[in-house]
Amino acid sequence: MNLALFDLDHTLIPLDSDYEWGQFLVRVGAVDPDAFSKRNAEFYAQYEAGTLDPVEYLEFALGTLAQFPRDRLDAWHAQFMAEVVTPNIRPQALDLVQRHHDAGDLVAIITATNRFVTAPIARAFGVRNLIAALPEETRDGEITGRLLGIPTSGEGKVIHTREWLATLDKTLDGFPRSYFYSDSQNDIPLLSAVTHPVATNPNARLKAHAERQGWPIISLFDD
């Protein structure tokens, strides 16, 4: 058995699910359009530049979720999937994930975006194992706005991957082959920790790094 790890945003889907969720909330009138859009755009620009403070952003994102009851959030998310995410799931991405499943690999998506936003997307790809930023919930499933544990970004992805594998009595070094597909230089720590890093739809900084390292570069999208 091999290990296949996938980043999500701009890797398996050609958009940033966290950013698009924020824009969706603006469109449905859930948040103040001017203030929220400005803050959301600022965080996205920081992410693109590799300067994002993940804790600061997650406190913003989870604090927004905490303003609404869970049943309303779930209804909005179903609409978000239908209108935004599902139309952007490409056959090439589904095929890549399925090839690893067919090979008998242990497959997981690991993303800096929170579990509320990403769990339905992982299910759409048929991936049961999701490592994502974990929002605290009450016994009734309501989101409190607080983050549990450390962010699943940068070096945090390596830590969370190792911790998840430990729950399965496995280690990252125990697989004959370990793959990680990502688009961003933010994921260089985990890309460097697997045996088969794959720069996938890479941004300019990751592409340059991958070329220097001799890593394979693939593209799943035409846009």
N, C-alpha and C. Protein backbone atom coordinates (compact mmCIF):
# COMPACT_ATOMS: atom_id res chain seq x y z
N MET A 1 0.85 -1.20 0.00
CA MET A 1 0.00 0.00 0.00
C MET A 1 0.88 1.25 0.00
N ASN A 2 0.53 2.21 -0.84
CA ASN A 2 1.19 3.50 -0.86
C ASN A 2 0.27 4.55 -0.24
N LEU A 3 0.80 5.75 -0.06
CA LEU A 3 0.07 6.87 0.52
C LEU A 3 -0.08 7.96 -0.53
N ALA A 4 -1.30 8.47 -0.68
CA ALA A 4 -1.55 9.56 -1.62
C ALA A 4 -2.26 10.69 -0.90
N LEU A 5 -1.58 11.81 -0.77
CA LEU A 5 -2.12 13.00 -0.11
C LEU A 5 -2.38 14.08 -1.14
N PHE A 6 -3.47 14.79 -0.97
CA PHE A 6 -3.85 15.85 -1.90
C PHE A 6 -4.18 17.13 -1.14
N ASP A 7 -3.57 18.23 -1.55
CA ASP A 7 -4.09 19.53 -1.17
C ASP A 7 -5.41 19.69 -1.92
N LEU A 8 -6.20 20.68 -1.52
CA LEU A 8 -7.52 20.84 -2.15
C LEU A 8 -7.60 22.06 -3.06
N ASP A 9 -7.51 23.25 -2.48
CA ASP A 9 -7.73 24.48 -3.24
C ASP A 9 -6.64 24.71 -4.28
N HIS A 10 -7.05 24.92 -5.50
CA HIS A 10 -6.17 25.13 -6.65
C HIS A 10 -5.34 23.88 -6.99
N THR A 11 -5.59 22.80 -6.29
CA THR A 11 -4.93 21.53 -6.60
C THR A 11 -5.94 20.57 -7.19
N LEU A 12 -6.98 20.21 -6.42
CA LEU A 12 -8.04 19.36 -6.95
C LEU A 12 -9.19 20.17 -7.53
N ILE A 13 -9.37 21.39 -7.05
CA ILE A 13 -10.39 22.27 -7.62
C ILE A 13 -9.74 23.59 -8.01
N PRO A 14 -10.19 24.20 -9.11
CA PRO A 14 -9.53 25.41 -9.61
C PRO A 14 -10.02 26.69 -8.94
N LEU A 15 -10.19 26.64 -7.65
CA LEU A 15 -10.63 27.80 -6.89
C LEU A 15 -10.20 27.63 -5.44
N ASP A 16 -10.35 28.69 -4.67
CA ASP A 16 -10.07 28.65 -3.24
C ASP A 16 -11.41 28.53 -2.53
N SER A 17 -11.68 27.37 -1.95
CA SER A 17 -13.01 27.11 -1.38
C SER A 17 -13.32 28.06 -0.22
N ASP A 18 -12.32 28.40 0.57
CA ASP A 18 -12.53 29.31 1.70
C ASP A 18 -12.92 30.70 1.21
N TYR A 19 -12.19 31.20 0.24
CA TYR A 19 -12.48 32.52 -0.31
C TYR A 19 -13.86 32.53 -0.97
N GLU A 20 -14.14 31.48 -1.77
CA GLU A 20 -15.42 31.43 -2.47
C GLU A 20 -16.59 31.27 -1.51
N TRP A 21 -16.37 30.56 -0.40
CA TRP A 21 -17.42 30.47 0.62
C TRP A 21 -17.73 31.85 1.17
N GLY A 22 -16.69 32.64 1.42
CA GLY A 22 -16.91 34.00 1.90
C GLY A 22 -17.68 34.84 0.90
N GLN A 23 -17.32 34.71 -0.37
CA GLN A 23 -18.04 35.46 -1.41
C GLN A 23 -19.48 34.99 -1.52
N PHE A 24 -19.70 33.70 -1.30
CA PHE A 24 -21.07 33.16 -1.31
C PHE A 24 -21.90 33.78 -0.20
N LEU A 25 -21.31 33.89 1.00
CA LEU A 25 -22.02 34.50 2.12
C LEU A 25 -22.41 35.94 1.80
N VAL A 26 -21.55 36.65 1.08
CA VAL A 26 -21.89 38.00 0.66
C VAL A 26 -23.08 37.99 -0.29
N ARG A 27 -23.07 37.05 -1.25
CA ARG A 27 -24.14 37.00 -2.26
C ARG A 27 -25.50 36.67 -1.65
N VAL A 28 -25.52 35.82 -0.64
CA VAL A 28 -26.81 35.46 -0.03
C VAL A 28 -27.23 36.45 1.04
N GLY A 29 -26.44 37.49 1.26
CA GLY A 29 -26.81 38.53 2.21
C GLY A 29 -26.58 38.17 3.66
N ALA A 30 -25.70 37.20 3.90
CA ALA A 30 -25.46 36.76 5.27
C ALA A 30 -24.52 37.69 6.03
N VAL A 31 -23.67 38.39 5.32
CA VAL A 31 -22.68 39.26 5.95
C VAL A 31 -22.68 40.62 5.26
N ASP A 32 -22.12 41.59 5.94
CA ASP A 32 -22.01 42.93 5.35
C ASP A 32 -21.12 42.87 4.12
N PRO A 33 -21.63 43.22 2.96
CA PRO A 33 -20.87 43.00 1.72
C PRO A 33 -19.57 43.78 1.63
N ASP A 34 -19.58 45.02 2.05
CA ASP A 34 -18.37 45.83 1.89
C ASP A 34 -17.28 45.42 2.87
N ALA A 35 -17.61 45.35 4.14
CA ALA A 35 -16.62 45.04 5.16
C ALA A 35 -16.08 43.63 5.00
N PHE A 36 -16.98 42.66 4.77
CA PHE A 36 -16.54 41.28 4.66
C PHE A 36 -15.72 41.06 3.40
N SER A 37 -16.18 41.57 2.27
CA SER A 37 -15.45 41.37 1.02
C SER A 37 -14.06 41.96 1.10
N LYS A 38 -13.94 43.12 1.72
CA LYS A 38 -12.63 43.75 1.85
C LYS A 38 -11.70 42.88 2.69
N ARG A 39 -12.19 42.40 3.84
CA ARG A 39 -11.36 41.59 4.72
C ARG A 39 -11.01 40.26 4.06
N ASN A 40 -11.98 39.66 3.41
CA ASN A 40 -11.76 38.39 2.72
C ASN A 40 -10.70 38.53 1.64
N ALA A 41 -10.77 39.62 0.88
CA ALA A 41 -9.80 39.86 -0.19
C ALA A 41 -8.40 40.09 0.38
N GLU A 42 -8.33 40.77 1.52
CA GLU A 42 -7.02 41.01 2.15
C GLU A 42 -6.37 39.69 2.56
N PHE A 43 -7.15 38.81 3.17
CA PHE A 43 -6.61 37.52 3.58
C PHE A 43 -6.18 36.70 2.37
N TYR A 44 -6.97 36.74 1.32
CA TYR A 44 -6.65 35.95 0.12
C TYR A 44 -5.35 36.46 -0.50
N ALA A 45 -5.17 37.78 -0.54
CA ALA A 45 -3.93 38.34 -1.08
C ALA A 45 -2.73 37.92 -0.24
N GLN A 46 -2.91 37.87 1.07
CA GLN A 46 -1.84 37.41 1.95
C GLN A 46 -1.51 35.94 1.68
N TYR A 47 -2.54 35.14 1.47
CA TYR A 47 -2.31 33.72 1.17
C TYR A 47 -1.51 33.57 -0.13
N GLU A 48 -1.92 34.32 -1.15
CA GLU A 48 -1.24 34.25 -2.44
C GLU A 48 0.23 34.66 -2.31
N ALA A 49 0.49 35.62 -1.41
CA ALA A 49 1.85 36.11 -1.23
C ALA A 49 2.66 35.25 -0.26
N GLY A 50 1.99 34.30 0.39
CA GLY A 50 2.68 33.45 1.35
C GLY A 50 2.93 34.12 2.69
N THR A 51 2.15 35.17 3.00
CA THR A 51 2.35 35.91 4.25
C THR A 51 1.17 35.77 5.21
N LEU A 52 0.24 34.91 4.91
CA LEU A 52 -0.98 34.77 5.72
C LEU A 52 -0.66 34.21 7.11
N ASP A 53 -1.23 34.84 8.13
CA ASP A 53 -1.18 34.30 9.48
C ASP A 53 -2.37 33.34 9.60
N PRO A 54 -2.14 32.04 9.62
CA PRO A 54 -3.26 31.10 9.57
C PRO A 54 -4.18 31.18 10.77
N VAL A 55 -3.65 31.45 11.94
CA VAL A 55 -4.50 31.55 13.12
C VAL A 55 -5.42 32.76 13.01
N GLU A 56 -4.87 33.89 12.59
CA GLU A 56 -5.68 35.10 12.43
C GLU A 56 -6.79 34.86 11.43
N TYR A 57 -6.45 34.20 10.31
CA TYR A 57 -7.49 33.97 9.31
C TYR A 57 -8.55 33.01 9.81
N LEU A 58 -8.13 31.92 10.45
CA LEU A 58 -9.11 30.93 10.93
C LEU A 58 -10.02 31.52 11.99
N GLU A 59 -9.50 32.39 12.83
CA GLU A 59 -10.35 33.06 13.81
C GLU A 59 -11.41 33.92 13.10
N PHE A 60 -11.02 34.55 12.01
CA PHE A 60 -11.98 35.33 11.22
C PHE A 60 -13.03 34.42 10.58
N ALA A 61 -12.56 33.34 9.93
CA ALA A 61 -13.47 32.44 9.21
C ALA A 61 -14.41 31.71 10.17
N LEU A 62 -13.86 31.16 11.24
CA LEU A 62 -14.69 30.42 12.18
C LEU A 62 -15.60 31.33 12.98
N GLY A 63 -15.13 32.54 13.24
CA GLY A 63 -15.98 33.51 13.93
C GLY A 63 -17.19 33.88 13.09
N THR A 64 -16.99 33.93 11.77
CA THR A 64 -18.12 34.19 10.88
C THR A 64 -19.12 33.04 10.93
N LEU A 65 -18.63 31.80 10.90
CA LEU A 65 -19.53 30.64 10.98
C LEU A 65 -20.32 30.63 12.27
N ALA A 66 -19.68 31.05 13.35
CA ALA A 66 -20.33 30.99 14.67
C ALA A 66 -21.52 31.93 14.79
N GLN A 67 -21.69 32.84 13.85
CA GLN A 67 -22.80 33.79 13.91
C GLN A 67 -24.13 33.17 13.52
N PHE A 68 -24.09 31.93 12.95
CA PHE A 68 -25.30 31.35 12.40
C PHE A 68 -25.58 29.97 12.97
N PRO A 69 -26.86 29.58 13.10
CA PRO A 69 -27.18 28.23 13.55
C PRO A 69 -26.72 27.19 12.53
N ARG A 70 -26.42 25.99 13.02
CA ARG A 70 -25.84 24.97 12.15
C ARG A 70 -26.78 24.56 11.02
N ASP A 71 -28.07 24.49 11.28
CA ASP A 71 -28.96 24.07 10.21
C ASP A 71 -28.97 25.07 9.05
N ARG A 72 -28.84 26.35 9.39
CA ARG A 72 -28.77 27.35 8.32
C ARG A 72 -27.46 27.25 7.57
N LEU A 73 -26.36 27.03 8.30
CA LEU A 73 -25.06 26.86 7.65
C LEU A 73 -25.07 25.66 6.69
N ASP A 74 -25.66 24.56 7.15
CA ASP A 74 -25.68 23.36 6.32
C ASP A 74 -26.52 23.57 5.05
N ALA A 75 -27.62 24.29 5.17
CA ALA A 75 -28.45 24.58 4.00
C ALA A 75 -27.70 25.47 3.02
N TRP A 76 -27.02 26.48 3.56
CA TRP A 76 -26.22 27.34 2.69
C TRP A 76 -25.11 26.55 2.01
N HIS A 77 -24.49 25.62 2.76
CA HIS A 77 -23.38 24.88 2.16
C HIS A 77 -23.87 23.97 1.03
N ALA A 78 -25.04 23.39 1.17
CA ALA A 78 -25.59 22.58 0.08
C ALA A 78 -25.79 23.44 -1.17
N GLN A 79 -26.24 24.66 -0.98
CA GLN A 79 -26.41 25.59 -2.09
C GLN A 79 -25.05 25.96 -2.67
N PHE A 80 -24.07 26.20 -1.80
CA PHE A 80 -22.70 26.53 -2.22
C PHE A 80 -22.10 25.41 -3.06
N MET A 81 -22.30 24.18 -2.64
CA MET A 81 -21.80 23.04 -3.41
C MET A 81 -22.43 23.02 -4.80
N ALA A 82 -23.74 23.18 -4.86
CA ALA A 82 -24.46 23.09 -6.13
C ALA A 82 -24.09 24.22 -7.08
N GLU A 83 -23.91 25.42 -6.54
CA GLU A 83 -23.70 26.59 -7.40
C GLU A 83 -22.23 26.87 -7.70
N VAL A 84 -21.34 26.53 -6.77
CA VAL A 84 -19.95 26.95 -6.91
C VAL A 84 -18.99 25.78 -7.07
N VAL A 85 -19.06 24.80 -6.19
CA VAL A 85 -18.04 23.76 -6.16
C VAL A 85 -18.26 22.70 -7.22
N THR A 86 -19.42 22.08 -7.23
CA THR A 86 -19.66 20.96 -8.15
C THR A 86 -19.40 21.32 -9.61
N PRO A 87 -19.82 22.50 -10.08
CA PRO A 87 -19.53 22.84 -11.47
C PRO A 87 -18.03 22.98 -11.77
N ASN A 88 -17.21 23.10 -10.73
CA ASN A 88 -15.77 23.27 -10.91
C ASN A 88 -14.97 22.00 -10.61
N ILE A 89 -15.64 20.88 -10.36
CA ILE A 89 -14.93 19.63 -10.18
C ILE A 89 -14.67 19.02 -11.55
N ARG A 90 -13.42 18.90 -11.91
CA ARG A 90 -13.03 18.50 -13.25
C ARG A 90 -12.78 16.98 -13.34
N PRO A 91 -13.10 16.38 -14.47
CA PRO A 91 -12.86 14.94 -14.63
C PRO A 91 -11.41 14.53 -14.40
N GLN A 92 -10.47 15.38 -14.81
CA GLN A 92 -9.06 15.02 -14.64
C GLN A 92 -8.71 14.86 -13.17
N ALA A 93 -9.27 15.72 -12.31
CA ALA A 93 -8.99 15.64 -10.88
C ALA A 93 -9.64 14.40 -10.28
N LEU A 94 -10.89 14.14 -10.66
CA LEU A 94 -11.57 12.94 -10.17
C LEU A 94 -10.81 11.69 -10.60
N ASP A 95 -10.33 11.68 -11.84
CA ASP A 95 -9.62 10.51 -12.35
C ASP A 95 -8.32 10.27 -11.59
N LEU A 96 -7.60 11.34 -11.27
CA LEU A 96 -6.34 11.19 -10.54
C LEU A 96 -6.57 10.57 -9.17
N VAL A 97 -7.57 11.07 -8.46
CA VAL A 97 -7.89 10.52 -7.14
C VAL A 97 -8.32 9.06 -7.28
N GLN A 98 -9.14 8.79 -8.29
CA GLN A 98 -9.64 7.42 -8.46
C GLN A 98 -8.53 6.45 -8.80
N ARG A 99 -7.53 6.90 -9.55
CA ARG A 99 -6.41 6.01 -9.87
C ARG A 99 -5.68 5.55 -8.61
N HIS A 100 -5.55 6.45 -7.65
CA HIS A 100 -4.90 6.06 -6.40
C HIS A 100 -5.80 5.12 -5.59
N HIS A 101 -7.10 5.38 -5.60
CA HIS A 101 -8.01 4.45 -4.94
C HIS A 101 -7.93 3.07 -5.60
N ASP A 102 -7.95 3.03 -6.92
CA ASP A 102 -7.91 1.76 -7.64
C ASP A 102 -6.62 0.99 -7.38
N ALA A 103 -5.55 1.73 -7.10
CA ALA A 103 -4.26 1.09 -6.82
C ALA A 103 -4.18 0.56 -5.39
N GLY A 104 -5.23 0.82 -4.60
CA GLY A 104 -5.23 0.36 -3.22
C GLY A 104 -4.49 1.27 -2.27
N ASP A 105 -4.21 2.50 -2.69
CA ASP A 105 -3.46 3.43 -1.85
C ASP A 105 -4.34 3.97 -0.72
N LEU A 106 -3.70 4.41 0.34
CA LEU A 106 -4.36 5.15 1.40
C LEU A 106 -4.43 6.60 0.95
N VAL A 107 -5.64 7.12 0.79
CA VAL A 107 -5.85 8.43 0.17
C VAL A 107 -6.41 9.41 1.21
N ALA A 108 -5.89 10.61 1.21
CA ALA A 108 -6.40 11.65 2.11
C ALA A 108 -6.26 13.01 1.45
N ILE A 109 -7.16 13.90 1.81
CA ILE A 109 -7.05 15.31 1.46
C ILE A 109 -6.59 16.05 2.71
N ILE A 110 -5.58 16.89 2.55
CA ILE A 110 -5.10 17.71 3.67
C ILE A 110 -5.11 19.16 3.24
N THR A 111 -5.86 19.98 3.95
CA THR A 111 -6.09 21.35 3.52
C THR A 111 -6.07 22.31 4.71
N ALA A 112 -5.65 23.53 4.44
CA ALA A 112 -5.64 24.56 5.47
C ALA A 112 -7.04 25.10 5.73
N THR A 113 -7.97 24.86 4.81
CA THR A 113 -9.33 25.32 4.97
C THR A 113 -10.06 24.47 6.01
N ASN A 114 -11.01 25.07 6.70
CA ASN A 114 -11.65 24.37 7.82
C ASN A 114 -12.55 23.22 7.35
N ARG A 115 -12.79 22.30 8.28
CA ARG A 115 -13.53 21.07 7.98
C ARG A 115 -14.98 21.34 7.57
N PHE A 116 -15.60 22.37 8.14
CA PHE A 116 -16.98 22.65 7.75
C PHE A 116 -17.08 22.91 6.25
N VAL A 117 -16.18 23.74 5.73
CA VAL A 117 -16.22 24.07 4.31
C VAL A 117 -15.81 22.88 3.44
N THR A 118 -14.84 22.10 3.90
CA THR A 118 -14.21 21.12 3.00
C THR A 118 -14.75 19.70 3.09
N ALA A 119 -15.42 19.33 4.18
CA ALA A 119 -15.88 17.94 4.30
C ALA A 119 -16.81 17.52 3.15
N PRO A 120 -17.79 18.34 2.76
CA PRO A 120 -18.62 17.94 1.62
C PRO A 120 -17.85 17.86 0.30
N ILE A 121 -16.80 18.67 0.17
CA ILE A 121 -15.99 18.62 -1.05
C ILE A 121 -15.19 17.32 -1.10
N ALA A 122 -14.62 16.94 0.04
CA ALA A 122 -13.91 15.67 0.10
C ALA A 122 -14.83 14.51 -0.25
N ARG A 123 -16.06 14.55 0.25
CA ARG A 123 -17.02 13.48 -0.08
C ARG A 123 -17.32 13.45 -1.56
N ALA A 124 -17.36 14.62 -2.20
CA ALA A 124 -17.62 14.67 -3.64
C ALA A 124 -16.51 13.99 -4.43
N PHE A 125 -15.31 13.95 -3.87
CA PHE A 125 -14.19 13.26 -4.50
C PHE A 125 -14.08 11.80 -4.06
N GLY A 126 -15.00 11.37 -3.21
CA GLY A 126 -14.95 10.00 -2.71
C GLY A 126 -13.82 9.74 -1.73
N VAL A 127 -13.34 10.81 -1.08
CA VAL A 127 -12.22 10.68 -0.13
C VAL A 127 -12.77 10.71 1.29
N ARG A 128 -12.55 9.64 2.02
CA ARG A 128 -13.07 9.54 3.39
C ARG A 128 -12.15 10.20 4.41
N ASN A 129 -10.87 10.25 4.11
CA ASN A 129 -9.89 10.78 5.07
C ASN A 129 -9.62 12.26 4.77
N LEU A 130 -10.01 13.11 5.69
CA LEU A 130 -9.83 14.55 5.52
C LEU A 130 -9.10 15.10 6.73
N ILE A 131 -7.98 15.78 6.46
CA ILE A 131 -7.25 16.49 7.49
C ILE A 131 -7.43 17.98 7.20
N ALA A 132 -8.13 18.66 8.09
CA ALA A 132 -8.48 20.07 7.86
C ALA A 132 -8.51 20.80 9.18
N ALA A 133 -8.46 22.12 9.12
CA ALA A 133 -8.58 22.92 10.33
C ALA A 133 -9.90 22.56 11.02
N LEU A 134 -9.82 22.32 12.31
CA LEU A 134 -10.97 21.75 13.02
C LEU A 134 -11.66 22.80 13.90
N PRO A 135 -12.89 23.17 13.53
CA PRO A 135 -13.62 24.11 14.38
C PRO A 135 -14.19 23.42 15.61
N GLU A 136 -14.13 24.11 16.73
CA GLU A 136 -14.76 23.59 17.94
C GLU A 136 -16.27 23.62 17.76
N GLU A 137 -16.94 22.56 18.24
CA GLU A 137 -18.40 22.48 18.15
C GLU A 137 -18.98 22.15 19.52
N THR A 138 -20.19 22.60 19.74
CA THR A 138 -20.90 22.22 20.95
C THR A 138 -21.43 20.80 20.79
N ARG A 139 -22.01 20.27 21.85
CA ARG A 139 -22.59 18.92 21.78
C ARG A 139 -23.67 18.83 20.71
N ASP A 140 -24.32 19.95 20.43
CA ASP A 140 -25.38 19.98 19.43
C ASP A 140 -24.86 20.25 18.01
N GLY A 141 -23.54 20.35 17.87
CA GLY A 141 -22.96 20.56 16.55
C GLY A 141 -22.86 22.00 16.12
N GLU A 142 -23.15 22.93 17.04
CA GLU A 142 -23.03 24.35 16.70
C GLU A 142 -21.56 24.75 16.74
N ILE A 143 -21.14 25.59 15.81
CA ILE A 143 -19.75 26.03 15.73
C ILE A 143 -19.53 27.21 16.67
N THR A 144 -18.50 27.09 17.53
CA THR A 144 -18.27 28.12 18.55
C THR A 144 -17.43 29.29 18.05
N GLY A 145 -16.67 29.08 16.97
CA GLY A 145 -15.77 30.12 16.48
C GLY A 145 -14.33 29.91 16.88
N ARG A 146 -14.07 28.89 17.70
CA ARG A 146 -12.70 28.62 18.14
C ARG A 146 -12.09 27.47 17.34
N LEU A 147 -10.77 27.53 17.19
CA LEU A 147 -10.02 26.51 16.48
C LEU A 147 -9.50 25.47 17.47
N LEU A 148 -9.62 24.20 17.11
CA LEU A 148 -9.05 23.13 17.92
C LEU A 148 -7.68 22.76 17.35
N GLY A 149 -6.66 22.77 18.19
CA GLY A 149 -5.33 22.39 17.74
C GLY A 149 -4.66 23.47 16.92
N ILE A 150 -3.62 23.06 16.20
CA ILE A 150 -2.85 24.00 15.39
C ILE A 150 -3.37 24.01 13.97
N PRO A 151 -3.13 25.07 13.21
CA PRO A 151 -3.60 25.13 11.83
C PRO A 151 -2.99 24.03 10.97
N THR A 152 -3.73 23.62 9.97
CA THR A 152 -3.26 22.59 9.03
C THR A 152 -2.65 23.26 7.81
N SER A 153 -1.59 24.02 8.05
CA SER A 153 -0.92 24.74 6.97
C SER A 153 0.58 24.72 7.23
N GLY A 154 1.37 24.87 6.15
CA GLY A 154 2.81 24.89 6.29
C GLY A 154 3.33 23.65 6.99
N GLU A 155 4.20 23.86 7.97
CA GLU A 155 4.74 22.74 8.75
C GLU A 155 3.63 22.00 9.50
N GLY A 156 2.53 22.70 9.77
CA GLY A 156 1.39 22.07 10.43
C GLY A 156 0.83 20.89 9.65
N LYS A 157 0.95 20.93 8.33
CA LYS A 157 0.47 19.80 7.54
C LYS A 157 1.31 18.55 7.80
N VAL A 158 2.60 18.74 8.01
CA VAL A 158 3.46 17.59 8.32
C VAL A 158 3.08 17.02 9.69
N ILE A 159 2.88 17.90 10.66
CA ILE A 159 2.53 17.46 12.01
C ILE A 159 1.20 16.72 12.01
N HIS A 160 0.19 17.31 11.36
CA HIS A 160 -1.13 16.68 11.33
C HIS A 160 -1.10 15.35 10.56
N THR A 161 -0.33 15.29 9.48
CA THR A 161 -0.24 14.04 8.74
C THR A 161 0.36 12.94 9.59
N ARG A 162 1.43 13.25 10.27
CA ARG A 162 2.07 12.25 11.14
C ARG A 162 1.14 11.82 12.27
N GLU A 163 0.41 12.77 12.85
CA GLU A 163 -0.52 12.43 13.93
C GLU A 163 -1.66 11.56 13.42
N TRP A 164 -2.19 11.87 12.24
CA TRP A 164 -3.26 11.06 11.66
C TRP A 164 -2.77 9.65 11.37
N LEU A 165 -1.60 9.53 10.78
CA LEU A 165 -1.07 8.21 10.47
C LEU A 165 -0.82 7.40 11.75
N ALA A 166 -0.42 8.08 12.81
CA ALA A 166 -0.18 7.38 14.07
C ALA A 166 -1.46 6.74 14.60
N THR A 167 -2.61 7.36 14.33
CA THR A 167 -3.87 6.76 14.77
C THR A 167 -4.17 5.48 14.01
N LEU A 168 -3.51 5.29 12.87
CA LEU A 168 -3.67 4.07 12.07
C LEU A 168 -2.51 3.11 12.28
N ASP A 169 -1.67 3.42 13.27
CA ASP A 169 -0.46 2.63 13.52
C ASP A 169 0.46 2.61 12.30
N LYS A 170 0.54 3.74 11.62
CA LYS A 170 1.40 3.88 10.45
C LYS A 170 2.29 5.09 10.62
N THR A 171 3.35 5.15 9.82
CA THR A 171 4.24 6.31 9.82
C THR A 171 4.44 6.77 8.37
N LEU A 172 4.81 8.02 8.22
CA LEU A 172 5.03 8.57 6.89
C LEU A 172 6.16 7.83 6.18
N ASP A 173 7.16 7.43 6.93
CA ASP A 173 8.30 6.73 6.34
C ASP A 173 8.04 5.24 6.13
N GLY A 174 6.88 4.76 6.55
CA GLY A 174 6.60 3.34 6.46
C GLY A 174 5.97 2.89 5.15
N PHE A 175 5.70 3.84 4.25
CA PHE A 175 5.10 3.50 2.96
C PHE A 175 6.19 3.35 1.90
N PRO A 176 6.07 2.38 1.01
CA PRO A 176 7.03 2.28 -0.09
C PRO A 176 7.09 3.56 -0.91
N ARG A 177 5.90 4.13 -1.16
CA ARG A 177 5.81 5.40 -1.89
C ARG A 177 4.79 6.29 -1.18
N SER A 178 5.12 7.54 -1.03
CA SER A 178 4.18 8.52 -0.49
C SER A 178 4.12 9.70 -1.45
N TYR A 179 2.92 10.04 -1.88
CA TYR A 179 2.70 11.12 -2.84
C TYR A 179 2.03 12.30 -2.12
N PHE A 180 2.39 13.50 -2.54
CA PHE A 180 1.64 14.68 -2.12
C PHE A 180 1.52 15.60 -3.31
N TYR A 181 0.29 15.95 -3.64
CA TYR A 181 -0.02 16.83 -4.76
C TYR A 181 -0.42 18.20 -4.21
N SER A 182 0.26 19.25 -4.64
CA SER A 182 -0.06 20.59 -4.16
C SER A 182 0.31 21.64 -5.19
N ASP A 183 -0.35 22.80 -5.07
CA ASP A 183 -0.13 23.90 -6.01
C ASP A 183 0.74 25.01 -5.44
N SER A 184 1.02 24.97 -4.12
CA SER A 184 1.54 26.17 -3.46
C SER A 184 2.88 25.95 -2.76
N GLN A 185 3.69 27.00 -2.75
CA GLN A 185 4.95 26.97 -2.02
C GLN A 185 4.71 26.85 -0.52
N ASN A 186 3.50 27.17 -0.06
CA ASN A 186 3.19 27.02 1.36
C ASN A 186 3.28 25.56 1.80
N ASP A 187 3.18 24.64 0.83
CA ASP A 187 3.19 23.22 1.15
C ASP A 187 4.55 22.55 0.94
N ILE A 188 5.58 23.34 0.76
CA ILE A 188 6.92 22.75 0.56
C ILE A 188 7.33 21.85 1.73
N PRO A 189 6.99 22.18 2.99
CA PRO A 189 7.39 21.25 4.07
C PRO A 189 6.86 19.83 3.87
N LEU A 190 5.59 19.67 3.53
CA LEU A 190 5.05 18.33 3.34
C LEU A 190 5.51 17.73 2.01
N LEU A 191 5.61 18.56 0.99
CA LEU A 191 6.14 18.06 -0.29
C LEU A 191 7.54 17.48 -0.11
N SER A 192 8.32 18.11 0.76
CA SER A 192 9.69 17.65 0.99
C SER A 192 9.76 16.42 1.87
N ALA A 193 8.65 16.12 2.56
CA ALA A 193 8.65 15.00 3.50
C ALA A 193 8.20 13.69 2.86
N VAL A 194 7.58 13.75 1.66
CA VAL A 194 7.12 12.52 1.00
C VAL A 194 8.17 12.06 -0.01
N THR A 195 8.00 10.81 -0.47
CA THR A 195 8.97 10.29 -1.45
C THR A 195 8.69 10.78 -2.86
N HIS A 196 7.40 11.12 -3.14
CA HIS A 196 7.02 11.53 -4.49
C HIS A 196 6.18 12.81 -4.45
N PRO A 197 6.85 13.97 -4.31
CA PRO A 197 6.13 15.24 -4.37
C PRO A 197 5.74 15.55 -5.81
N VAL A 198 4.55 16.09 -5.99
CA VAL A 198 4.08 16.44 -7.32
C VAL A 198 3.53 17.87 -7.30
N ALA A 199 4.18 18.77 -7.98
CA ALA A 199 3.69 20.14 -8.11
C ALA A 199 2.51 20.12 -9.08
N THR A 200 1.34 20.49 -8.58
CA THR A 200 0.10 20.31 -9.33
C THR A 200 -0.54 21.67 -9.57
N ASN A 201 -0.66 22.07 -10.83
CA ASN A 201 -1.12 23.42 -11.16
C ASN A 201 -0.34 24.45 -10.35
N PRO A 202 0.99 24.35 -10.31
CA PRO A 202 1.75 25.13 -9.33
C PRO A 202 1.73 26.63 -9.61
N ASN A 203 1.76 27.41 -8.53
CA ASN A 203 1.97 28.83 -8.70
C ASN A 203 3.44 29.06 -9.06
N ALA A 204 3.80 30.29 -9.34
CA ALA A 204 5.14 30.57 -9.87
C ALA A 204 6.24 30.16 -8.90
N ARG A 205 6.03 30.41 -7.61
CA ARG A 205 7.07 30.10 -6.63
C ARG A 205 7.26 28.60 -6.47
N LEU A 206 6.16 27.85 -6.45
CA LEU A 206 6.32 26.40 -6.34
C LEU A 206 6.87 25.81 -7.63
N LYS A 207 6.45 26.34 -8.75
CA LYS A 207 6.97 25.83 -10.03
C LYS A 207 8.49 25.99 -10.09
N ALA A 208 8.97 27.15 -9.70
CA ALA A 208 10.42 27.38 -9.72
C ALA A 208 11.14 26.43 -8.77
N HIS A 209 10.56 26.23 -7.60
CA HIS A 209 11.17 25.32 -6.62
C HIS A 209 11.16 23.89 -7.15
N ALA A 210 10.03 23.48 -7.74
CA ALA A 210 9.92 22.12 -8.27
C ALA A 210 10.93 21.89 -9.39
N GLU A 211 11.13 22.88 -10.23
CA GLU A 211 12.10 22.74 -11.32
C GLU A 211 13.52 22.58 -10.76
N ARG A 212 13.83 23.33 -9.72
CA ARG A 212 15.16 23.21 -9.11
C ARG A 212 15.36 21.84 -8.47
N GLN A 213 14.29 21.31 -7.90
CA GLN A 213 14.38 20.03 -7.20
C GLN A 213 14.20 18.83 -8.12
N GLY A 214 13.78 19.07 -9.35
CA GLY A 214 13.51 17.98 -10.28
C GLY A 214 12.22 17.25 -9.98
N TRP A 215 11.27 17.93 -9.30
CA TRP A 215 9.98 17.33 -9.01
C TRP A 215 9.10 17.34 -10.26
N PRO A 216 8.25 16.33 -10.43
CA PRO A 216 7.32 16.37 -11.56
C PRO A 216 6.31 17.50 -11.40
N ILE A 217 5.90 18.04 -12.53
CA ILE A 217 4.91 19.14 -12.56
C ILE A 217 3.76 18.68 -13.46
N ILE A 218 2.52 18.75 -12.93
CA ILE A 218 1.38 18.37 -13.74
C ILE A 218 0.34 19.48 -13.68
N SER A 219 -0.57 19.48 -14.63
CA SER A 219 -1.67 20.43 -14.65
C SER A 219 -2.98 19.67 -14.83
N LEU A 220 -3.94 19.94 -13.94
CA LEU A 220 -5.24 19.32 -14.03
C LEU A 220 -6.29 20.24 -14.63
N PHE A 221 -5.92 21.50 -14.82
CA PHE A 221 -6.87 22.48 -15.31
C PHE A 221 -6.30 23.24 -16.51
N ASP A 222 -7.19 23.70 -17.35
CA ASP A 222 -6.77 24.52 -18.48
C ASP A 222 -6.79 26.00 -18.13
N ASP A 223 -7.41 26.32 -16.96
CA ASP A 223 -7.50 27.73 -16.59
C ASP A 223 -6.78 27.99 -15.30
